[in-house]
Amino acid sequence: MDTDLLDRLIGEKHDCLCELREMGERQLELVHAGAVEGLLDVLVAKQRVLAQLQKIERDLDPFRDQDAGGRTWRSEEARRRCARRLEQCASLLAEVVGQEKESQDELIRRRDLVASQLEDVHQALRARGAYAASPRPAAGQLDLLSEA
């Protein structure tokens, strides 16, 4: 039955999205902790799950053009279960997208903070260089321009 395949694919999609949500939680923890190495490991693992999800979506393509009311299901319960999982998939996808947005925002905030700190260091080095390059009074001369 085609609906058996549809039900199985929706179940696989649901499983992938649950896994992505869990990985997204871990990703957020690592971003907040500044743990770049662990973050890279999670991103690599997420990429594999995303590839699997893309394959499932391609496998679902033939069902998109079908009339949902014309499908024959093993039972009304099987149809309702599949519909519930499909609704859960939409909710899970929204959560995953929200996690990605939050991670991206935090990474941008951290990047901007580091850039600001680097600019402060650069300004301090320039000031130090300018001070070091200024002429010093020769021994035995009095410097009347110094403030301290």
N, C-alpha and C. Protein backbone atom coordinates (compact mmCIF):
# COMPACT_ATOMS: atom_id res chain seq x y z
N MET A 1 0.84 -1.19 0.00
CA MET A 1 0.00 0.00 0.00
C MET A 1 0.88 1.25 0.00
N ASP A 2 0.51 2.22 -0.80
CA ASP A 2 1.25 3.48 -0.84
C ASP A 2 1.22 4.19 0.51
N THR A 3 0.09 4.08 1.20
CA THR A 3 -0.02 4.78 2.49
C THR A 3 0.89 4.17 3.54
N ASP A 4 1.22 2.91 3.41
CA ASP A 4 2.19 2.30 4.33
C ASP A 4 3.56 2.96 4.15
N LEU A 5 3.93 3.18 2.90
CA LEU A 5 5.19 3.86 2.61
C LEU A 5 5.14 5.29 3.11
N LEU A 6 4.04 5.97 2.87
CA LEU A 6 3.89 7.35 3.36
C LEU A 6 4.02 7.41 4.87
N ASP A 7 3.36 6.51 5.55
CA ASP A 7 3.41 6.45 7.01
C ASP A 7 4.85 6.22 7.49
N ARG A 8 5.55 5.29 6.83
CA ARG A 8 6.94 5.00 7.21
C ARG A 8 7.83 6.22 6.99
N LEU A 9 7.66 6.90 5.85
CA LEU A 9 8.48 8.07 5.55
C LEU A 9 8.21 9.21 6.53
N ILE A 10 6.96 9.42 6.89
CA ILE A 10 6.62 10.45 7.87
C ILE A 10 7.24 10.11 9.21
N GLY A 11 7.23 8.83 9.56
CA GLY A 11 7.88 8.39 10.81
C GLY A 11 9.38 8.65 10.79
N GLU A 12 10.02 8.39 9.66
CA GLU A 12 11.46 8.63 9.53
C GLU A 12 11.76 10.14 9.59
N LYS A 13 10.90 10.92 8.96
CA LYS A 13 11.07 12.38 9.01
C LYS A 13 10.96 12.86 10.45
N HIS A 14 9.97 12.35 11.16
CA HIS A 14 9.77 12.71 12.56
C HIS A 14 11.01 12.36 13.39
N ASP A 15 11.55 11.17 13.17
CA ASP A 15 12.74 10.74 13.90
C ASP A 15 13.93 11.66 13.61
N CYS A 16 14.12 12.02 12.35
CA CYS A 16 15.22 12.92 11.98
C CYS A 16 15.06 14.28 12.65
N LEU A 17 13.84 14.80 12.64
CA LEU A 17 13.61 16.11 13.25
C LEU A 17 13.80 16.06 14.76
N CYS A 18 13.42 14.97 15.40
CA CYS A 18 13.68 14.81 16.85
C CYS A 18 15.18 14.82 17.11
N GLU A 19 15.91 14.11 16.27
CA GLU A 19 17.37 14.05 16.42
C GLU A 19 17.99 15.43 16.19
N LEU A 20 17.50 16.14 15.20
CA LEU A 20 18.01 17.49 14.93
C LEU A 20 17.71 18.44 16.10
N ARG A 21 16.55 18.29 16.71
CA ARG A 21 16.21 19.13 17.86
C ARG A 21 17.17 18.86 19.02
N GLU A 22 17.45 17.58 19.28
CA GLU A 22 18.40 17.23 20.34
C GLU A 22 19.79 17.79 20.03
N MET A 23 20.21 17.65 18.79
CA MET A 23 21.51 18.19 18.39
C MET A 23 21.53 19.70 18.50
N GLY A 24 20.41 20.32 18.19
CA GLY A 24 20.30 21.78 18.30
C GLY A 24 20.45 22.25 19.74
N GLU A 25 19.89 21.48 20.67
CA GLU A 25 20.05 21.81 22.09
C GLU A 25 21.52 21.73 22.48
N ARG A 26 22.18 20.69 22.05
CA ARG A 26 23.61 20.53 22.35
C ARG A 26 24.42 21.65 21.69
N GLN A 27 24.05 21.99 20.46
CA GLN A 27 24.73 23.06 19.74
C GLN A 27 24.62 24.37 20.52
N LEU A 28 23.43 24.69 21.02
CA LEU A 28 23.25 25.92 21.79
C LEU A 28 24.12 25.92 23.05
N GLU A 29 24.18 24.78 23.73
CA GLU A 29 25.02 24.68 24.92
C GLU A 29 26.48 24.98 24.57
N LEU A 30 26.94 24.39 23.48
CA LEU A 30 28.34 24.57 23.07
C LEU A 30 28.62 26.00 22.62
N VAL A 31 27.67 26.61 21.93
CA VAL A 31 27.84 28.00 21.49
C VAL A 31 27.94 28.91 22.70
N HIS A 32 27.05 28.71 23.68
CA HIS A 32 27.08 29.54 24.88
C HIS A 32 28.36 29.32 25.69
N ALA A 33 28.90 28.11 25.63
CA ALA A 33 30.14 27.81 26.35
C ALA A 33 31.38 28.22 25.56
N GLY A 34 31.21 28.55 24.30
CA GLY A 34 32.36 28.91 23.47
C GLY A 34 33.22 27.70 23.12
N ALA A 35 32.64 26.51 23.12
CA ALA A 35 33.38 25.28 22.86
C ALA A 35 33.37 24.99 21.36
N VAL A 36 34.29 25.59 20.64
CA VAL A 36 34.31 25.52 19.18
C VAL A 36 34.54 24.11 18.68
N GLU A 37 35.46 23.37 19.27
CA GLU A 37 35.76 22.02 18.79
C GLU A 37 34.54 21.11 18.91
N GLY A 38 33.89 21.14 20.05
CA GLY A 38 32.67 20.34 20.24
C GLY A 38 31.57 20.79 19.30
N LEU A 39 31.48 22.10 19.07
CA LEU A 39 30.48 22.64 18.16
C LEU A 39 30.69 22.10 16.75
N LEU A 40 31.92 22.04 16.32
CA LEU A 40 32.21 21.52 14.98
C LEU A 40 31.79 20.05 14.86
N ASP A 41 32.02 19.27 15.91
CA ASP A 41 31.60 17.87 15.90
C ASP A 41 30.08 17.75 15.75
N VAL A 42 29.34 18.58 16.48
CA VAL A 42 27.88 18.55 16.40
C VAL A 42 27.42 18.96 15.00
N LEU A 43 28.06 19.97 14.43
CA LEU A 43 27.67 20.44 13.10
C LEU A 43 27.90 19.37 12.03
N VAL A 44 28.99 18.63 12.16
CA VAL A 44 29.27 17.54 11.22
C VAL A 44 28.18 16.46 11.35
N ALA A 45 27.84 16.11 12.57
CA ALA A 45 26.80 15.10 12.79
C ALA A 45 25.44 15.60 12.27
N LYS A 46 25.16 16.88 12.49
CA LYS A 46 23.90 17.44 12.00
C LYS A 46 23.83 17.39 10.48
N GLN A 47 24.96 17.59 9.84
CA GLN A 47 24.98 17.57 8.38
C GLN A 47 24.54 16.21 7.85
N ARG A 48 24.98 15.15 8.53
CA ARG A 48 24.57 13.81 8.11
C ARG A 48 23.06 13.61 8.26
N VAL A 49 22.50 14.09 9.36
CA VAL A 49 21.06 13.95 9.59
C VAL A 49 20.28 14.81 8.59
N LEU A 50 20.80 15.98 8.28
CA LEU A 50 20.15 16.84 7.29
C LEU A 50 20.15 16.19 5.91
N ALA A 51 21.23 15.52 5.56
CA ALA A 51 21.28 14.80 4.28
C ALA A 51 20.23 13.68 4.26
N GLN A 52 20.09 13.00 5.37
CA GLN A 52 19.10 11.94 5.47
C GLN A 52 17.69 12.54 5.34
N LEU A 53 17.46 13.67 5.98
CA LEU A 53 16.16 14.34 5.90
C LEU A 53 15.85 14.78 4.47
N GLN A 54 16.86 15.27 3.76
CA GLN A 54 16.66 15.66 2.36
C GLN A 54 16.25 14.46 1.51
N LYS A 55 16.86 13.31 1.76
CA LYS A 55 16.49 12.10 1.02
C LYS A 55 15.04 11.72 1.30
N ILE A 56 14.65 11.79 2.55
CA ILE A 56 13.27 11.48 2.92
C ILE A 56 12.31 12.43 2.21
N GLU A 57 12.66 13.71 2.18
CA GLU A 57 11.81 14.69 1.51
C GLU A 57 11.67 14.38 0.02
N ARG A 58 12.75 13.95 -0.61
CA ARG A 58 12.67 13.56 -2.02
C ARG A 58 11.76 12.34 -2.19
N ASP A 59 11.86 11.40 -1.24
CA ASP A 59 11.02 10.20 -1.30
C ASP A 59 9.54 10.55 -1.08
N LEU A 60 9.29 11.65 -0.38
CA LEU A 60 7.91 12.08 -0.14
C LEU A 60 7.32 12.86 -1.33
N ASP A 61 8.17 13.30 -2.24
CA ASP A 61 7.70 14.12 -3.37
C ASP A 61 6.51 13.52 -4.12
N PRO A 62 6.50 12.24 -4.45
CA PRO A 62 5.35 11.69 -5.20
C PRO A 62 4.01 11.84 -4.47
N PHE A 63 4.04 11.94 -3.15
CA PHE A 63 2.81 12.04 -2.37
C PHE A 63 2.26 13.47 -2.34
N ARG A 64 3.09 14.44 -2.65
CA ARG A 64 2.69 15.85 -2.55
C ARG A 64 1.58 16.21 -3.54
N ASP A 65 1.59 15.59 -4.70
CA ASP A 65 0.59 15.92 -5.73
C ASP A 65 -0.68 15.08 -5.61
N GLN A 66 -0.69 14.15 -4.68
CA GLN A 66 -1.85 13.27 -4.53
C GLN A 66 -2.96 13.99 -3.76
N ASP A 67 -4.16 13.57 -4.03
CA ASP A 67 -5.31 14.03 -3.26
C ASP A 67 -5.33 13.23 -1.95
N ALA A 68 -5.15 13.93 -0.84
CA ALA A 68 -5.07 13.24 0.46
C ALA A 68 -6.35 12.48 0.77
N GLY A 69 -7.48 13.01 0.36
CA GLY A 69 -8.75 12.34 0.62
C GLY A 69 -8.95 11.07 -0.19
N GLY A 70 -8.20 10.93 -1.27
CA GLY A 70 -8.33 9.75 -2.12
C GLY A 70 -7.43 8.60 -1.73
N ARG A 71 -6.60 8.80 -0.71
CA ARG A 71 -5.69 7.73 -0.29
C ARG A 71 -6.45 6.65 0.48
N THR A 72 -6.01 5.42 0.29
CA THR A 72 -6.61 4.29 1.01
C THR A 72 -5.66 3.88 2.14
N TRP A 73 -6.17 3.92 3.36
CA TRP A 73 -5.39 3.59 4.55
C TRP A 73 -5.82 2.24 5.10
N ARG A 74 -4.91 1.59 5.80
CA ARG A 74 -5.23 0.30 6.44
C ARG A 74 -6.36 0.49 7.45
N SER A 75 -6.31 1.63 8.13
CA SER A 75 -7.36 1.92 9.11
C SER A 75 -7.43 3.43 9.30
N GLU A 76 -8.53 3.84 9.89
CA GLU A 76 -8.68 5.27 10.20
C GLU A 76 -7.65 5.67 11.26
N GLU A 77 -7.34 4.78 12.16
CA GLU A 77 -6.33 5.07 13.19
C GLU A 77 -4.96 5.29 12.55
N ALA A 78 -4.62 4.49 11.55
CA ALA A 78 -3.33 4.67 10.86
C ALA A 78 -3.28 6.04 10.19
N ARG A 79 -4.38 6.47 9.60
CA ARG A 79 -4.43 7.78 8.96
C ARG A 79 -4.27 8.89 10.00
N ARG A 80 -4.99 8.77 11.12
CA ARG A 80 -4.91 9.79 12.18
C ARG A 80 -3.50 9.83 12.79
N ARG A 81 -2.89 8.67 13.02
CA ARG A 81 -1.54 8.61 13.57
C ARG A 81 -0.54 9.32 12.65
N CYS A 82 -0.65 9.04 11.37
CA CYS A 82 0.24 9.67 10.39
C CYS A 82 0.02 11.19 10.36
N ALA A 83 -1.23 11.60 10.41
CA ALA A 83 -1.55 13.04 10.41
C ALA A 83 -0.98 13.72 11.66
N ARG A 84 -1.09 13.06 12.81
CA ARG A 84 -0.53 13.62 14.05
C ARG A 84 0.98 13.77 13.95
N ARG A 85 1.63 12.75 13.42
CA ARG A 85 3.10 12.82 13.28
C ARG A 85 3.50 13.91 12.31
N LEU A 86 2.71 14.09 11.27
CA LEU A 86 3.01 15.15 10.31
C LEU A 86 2.87 16.52 10.97
N GLU A 87 1.86 16.69 11.81
CA GLU A 87 1.72 17.95 12.56
C GLU A 87 2.90 18.13 13.51
N GLN A 88 3.31 17.06 14.17
CA GLN A 88 4.47 17.14 15.06
C GLN A 88 5.73 17.51 14.29
N CYS A 89 5.83 17.01 13.05
CA CYS A 89 6.99 17.35 12.22
C CYS A 89 7.06 18.85 11.98
N ALA A 90 5.91 19.45 11.72
CA ALA A 90 5.88 20.89 11.49
C ALA A 90 6.33 21.64 12.74
N SER A 91 5.88 21.20 13.89
CA SER A 91 6.26 21.82 15.15
C SER A 91 7.76 21.63 15.43
N LEU A 92 8.24 20.41 15.20
CA LEU A 92 9.67 20.12 15.40
C LEU A 92 10.53 20.97 14.48
N LEU A 93 10.12 21.10 13.22
CA LEU A 93 10.87 21.90 12.27
C LEU A 93 10.94 23.35 12.73
N ALA A 94 9.84 23.88 13.25
CA ALA A 94 9.85 25.25 13.77
C ALA A 94 10.83 25.37 14.94
N GLU A 95 10.88 24.37 15.81
CA GLU A 95 11.84 24.39 16.93
C GLU A 95 13.28 24.37 16.43
N VAL A 96 13.55 23.50 15.46
CA VAL A 96 14.90 23.38 14.91
C VAL A 96 15.33 24.70 14.27
N VAL A 97 14.44 25.31 13.51
CA VAL A 97 14.75 26.60 12.88
C VAL A 97 15.00 27.67 13.95
N GLY A 98 14.19 27.66 15.00
CA GLY A 98 14.39 28.61 16.10
C GLY A 98 15.74 28.41 16.79
N GLN A 99 16.13 27.16 16.99
CA GLN A 99 17.43 26.87 17.60
C GLN A 99 18.56 27.38 16.70
N GLU A 100 18.43 27.16 15.41
CA GLU A 100 19.46 27.63 14.48
C GLU A 100 19.59 29.14 14.54
N LYS A 101 18.45 29.82 14.59
CA LYS A 101 18.46 31.29 14.65
C LYS A 101 19.11 31.75 15.94
N GLU A 102 18.77 31.13 17.06
CA GLU A 102 19.36 31.50 18.34
C GLU A 102 20.88 31.25 18.34
N SER A 103 21.30 30.11 17.79
CA SER A 103 22.74 29.81 17.70
C SER A 103 23.45 30.84 16.83
N GLN A 104 22.84 31.15 15.71
CA GLN A 104 23.44 32.13 14.80
C GLN A 104 23.56 33.50 15.48
N ASP A 105 22.50 33.92 16.16
CA ASP A 105 22.54 35.21 16.85
C ASP A 105 23.63 35.24 17.92
N GLU A 106 23.77 34.16 18.67
CA GLU A 106 24.80 34.10 19.71
C GLU A 106 26.20 34.10 19.10
N LEU A 107 26.38 33.36 18.01
CA LEU A 107 27.69 33.35 17.34
C LEU A 107 28.04 34.74 16.80
N ILE A 108 27.07 35.43 16.26
CA ILE A 108 27.31 36.79 15.77
C ILE A 108 27.67 37.72 16.93
N ARG A 109 26.94 37.58 18.04
CA ARG A 109 27.25 38.40 19.22
C ARG A 109 28.68 38.14 19.70
N ARG A 110 29.06 36.87 19.76
CA ARG A 110 30.42 36.52 20.20
C ARG A 110 31.47 37.03 19.21
N ARG A 111 31.19 36.91 17.92
CA ARG A 111 32.12 37.41 16.90
C ARG A 111 32.32 38.91 17.06
N ASP A 112 31.22 39.64 17.25
CA ASP A 112 31.31 41.09 17.39
C ASP A 112 32.07 41.48 18.66
N LEU A 113 31.87 40.71 19.73
CA LEU A 113 32.60 40.97 20.98
C LEU A 113 34.10 40.76 20.78
N VAL A 114 34.48 39.68 20.12
CA VAL A 114 35.90 39.42 19.85
C VAL A 114 36.48 40.50 18.95
N ALA A 115 35.72 40.93 17.94
CA ALA A 115 36.19 41.98 17.04
C ALA A 115 36.42 43.27 17.82
N SER A 116 35.53 43.58 18.73
CA SER A 116 35.68 44.79 19.56
C SER A 116 36.91 44.68 20.46
N GLN A 117 37.10 43.50 21.04
CA GLN A 117 38.28 43.30 21.89
C GLN A 117 39.56 43.41 21.09
N LEU A 118 39.56 42.86 19.89
CA LEU A 118 40.75 42.97 19.03
C LEU A 118 41.01 44.42 18.64
N GLU A 119 39.97 45.18 18.38
CA GLU A 119 40.13 46.60 18.06
C GLU A 119 40.72 47.36 19.25
N ASP A 120 40.25 47.03 20.45
CA ASP A 120 40.81 47.67 21.66
C ASP A 120 42.30 47.36 21.79
N VAL A 121 42.68 46.11 21.57
CA VAL A 121 44.09 45.71 21.65
C VAL A 121 44.89 46.46 20.58
N HIS A 122 44.34 46.54 19.38
CA HIS A 122 45.01 47.24 18.28
C HIS A 122 45.22 48.71 18.63
N GLN A 123 44.22 49.35 19.19
CA GLN A 123 44.35 50.76 19.58
C GLN A 123 45.41 50.92 20.67
N ALA A 124 45.42 50.01 21.62
CA ALA A 124 46.41 50.08 22.70
C ALA A 124 47.82 49.90 22.15
N LEU A 125 47.98 48.99 21.21
CA LEU A 125 49.30 48.77 20.60
C LEU A 125 49.74 49.99 19.80
N ARG A 126 48.81 50.62 19.09
CA ARG A 126 49.14 51.83 18.33
C ARG A 126 49.55 52.96 19.28
N ALA A 127 48.83 53.11 20.38
CA ALA A 127 49.17 54.16 21.35
C ALA A 127 50.53 53.88 21.97
N ARG A 128 50.77 52.63 22.28
CA ARG A 128 52.07 52.26 22.86
C ARG A 128 53.19 52.53 21.86
N GLY A 129 52.92 52.17 20.59
CA GLY A 129 53.92 52.42 19.55
C GLY A 129 54.19 53.89 19.37
N ALA A 130 53.14 54.70 19.42
CA ALA A 130 53.32 56.15 19.27
C ALA A 130 54.09 56.71 20.46
N TYR A 131 53.80 56.23 21.64
CA TYR A 131 54.50 56.69 22.83
C TYR A 131 55.97 56.29 22.77
N ALA A 132 56.23 55.06 22.35
CA ALA A 132 57.60 54.56 22.27
C ALA A 132 58.39 55.31 21.20
N ALA A 133 57.72 55.78 20.17
CA ALA A 133 58.41 56.47 19.08
C ALA A 133 58.65 57.95 19.38
N SER A 134 57.98 58.48 20.40
CA SER A 134 58.16 59.91 20.68
C SER A 134 59.56 60.17 21.23
N PRO A 135 60.14 61.30 20.87
CA PRO A 135 61.52 61.60 21.32
C PRO A 135 61.57 61.77 22.83
N ARG A 136 62.60 61.24 23.41
CA ARG A 136 62.81 61.33 24.86
C ARG A 136 63.85 62.44 25.11
N PRO A 137 63.68 63.12 26.20
CA PRO A 137 64.69 64.15 26.51
C PRO A 137 66.06 63.50 26.78
N ALA A 138 67.07 64.14 26.33
CA ALA A 138 68.43 63.64 26.55
C ALA A 138 68.75 63.71 28.04
N ALA A 139 69.71 62.95 28.45
CA ALA A 139 70.12 62.94 29.86
C ALA A 139 70.54 64.35 30.26
N GLY A 140 70.07 64.79 31.39
CA GLY A 140 70.43 66.12 31.88
C GLY A 140 69.47 67.18 31.42
N GLN A 141 68.50 66.87 30.58
CA GLN A 141 67.53 67.87 30.14
C GLN A 141 66.26 67.69 30.93
N LEU A 142 65.52 68.75 31.07
CA LEU A 142 64.28 68.74 31.81
C LEU A 142 63.13 68.67 30.80
N ASP A 143 62.19 67.74 31.01
CA ASP A 143 61.03 67.59 30.14
C ASP A 143 59.86 68.33 30.76
N LEU A 144 59.48 69.46 30.19
CA LEU A 144 58.39 70.27 30.73
C LEU A 144 57.05 69.90 30.10
N LEU A 145 57.03 68.98 29.15
CA LEU A 145 55.80 68.61 28.47
C LEU A 145 55.12 67.39 29.06
N SER A 146 55.82 66.63 29.89
CA SER A 146 55.23 65.43 30.48
C SER A 146 54.19 65.82 31.51
N GLU A 147 53.13 64.98 31.61
CA GLU A 147 52.07 65.28 32.55
C GLU A 147 52.29 64.67 33.92
N ALA A 148 52.97 63.59 34.00
CA ALA A 148 53.11 62.96 35.32
C ALA A 148 54.50 62.93 35.77
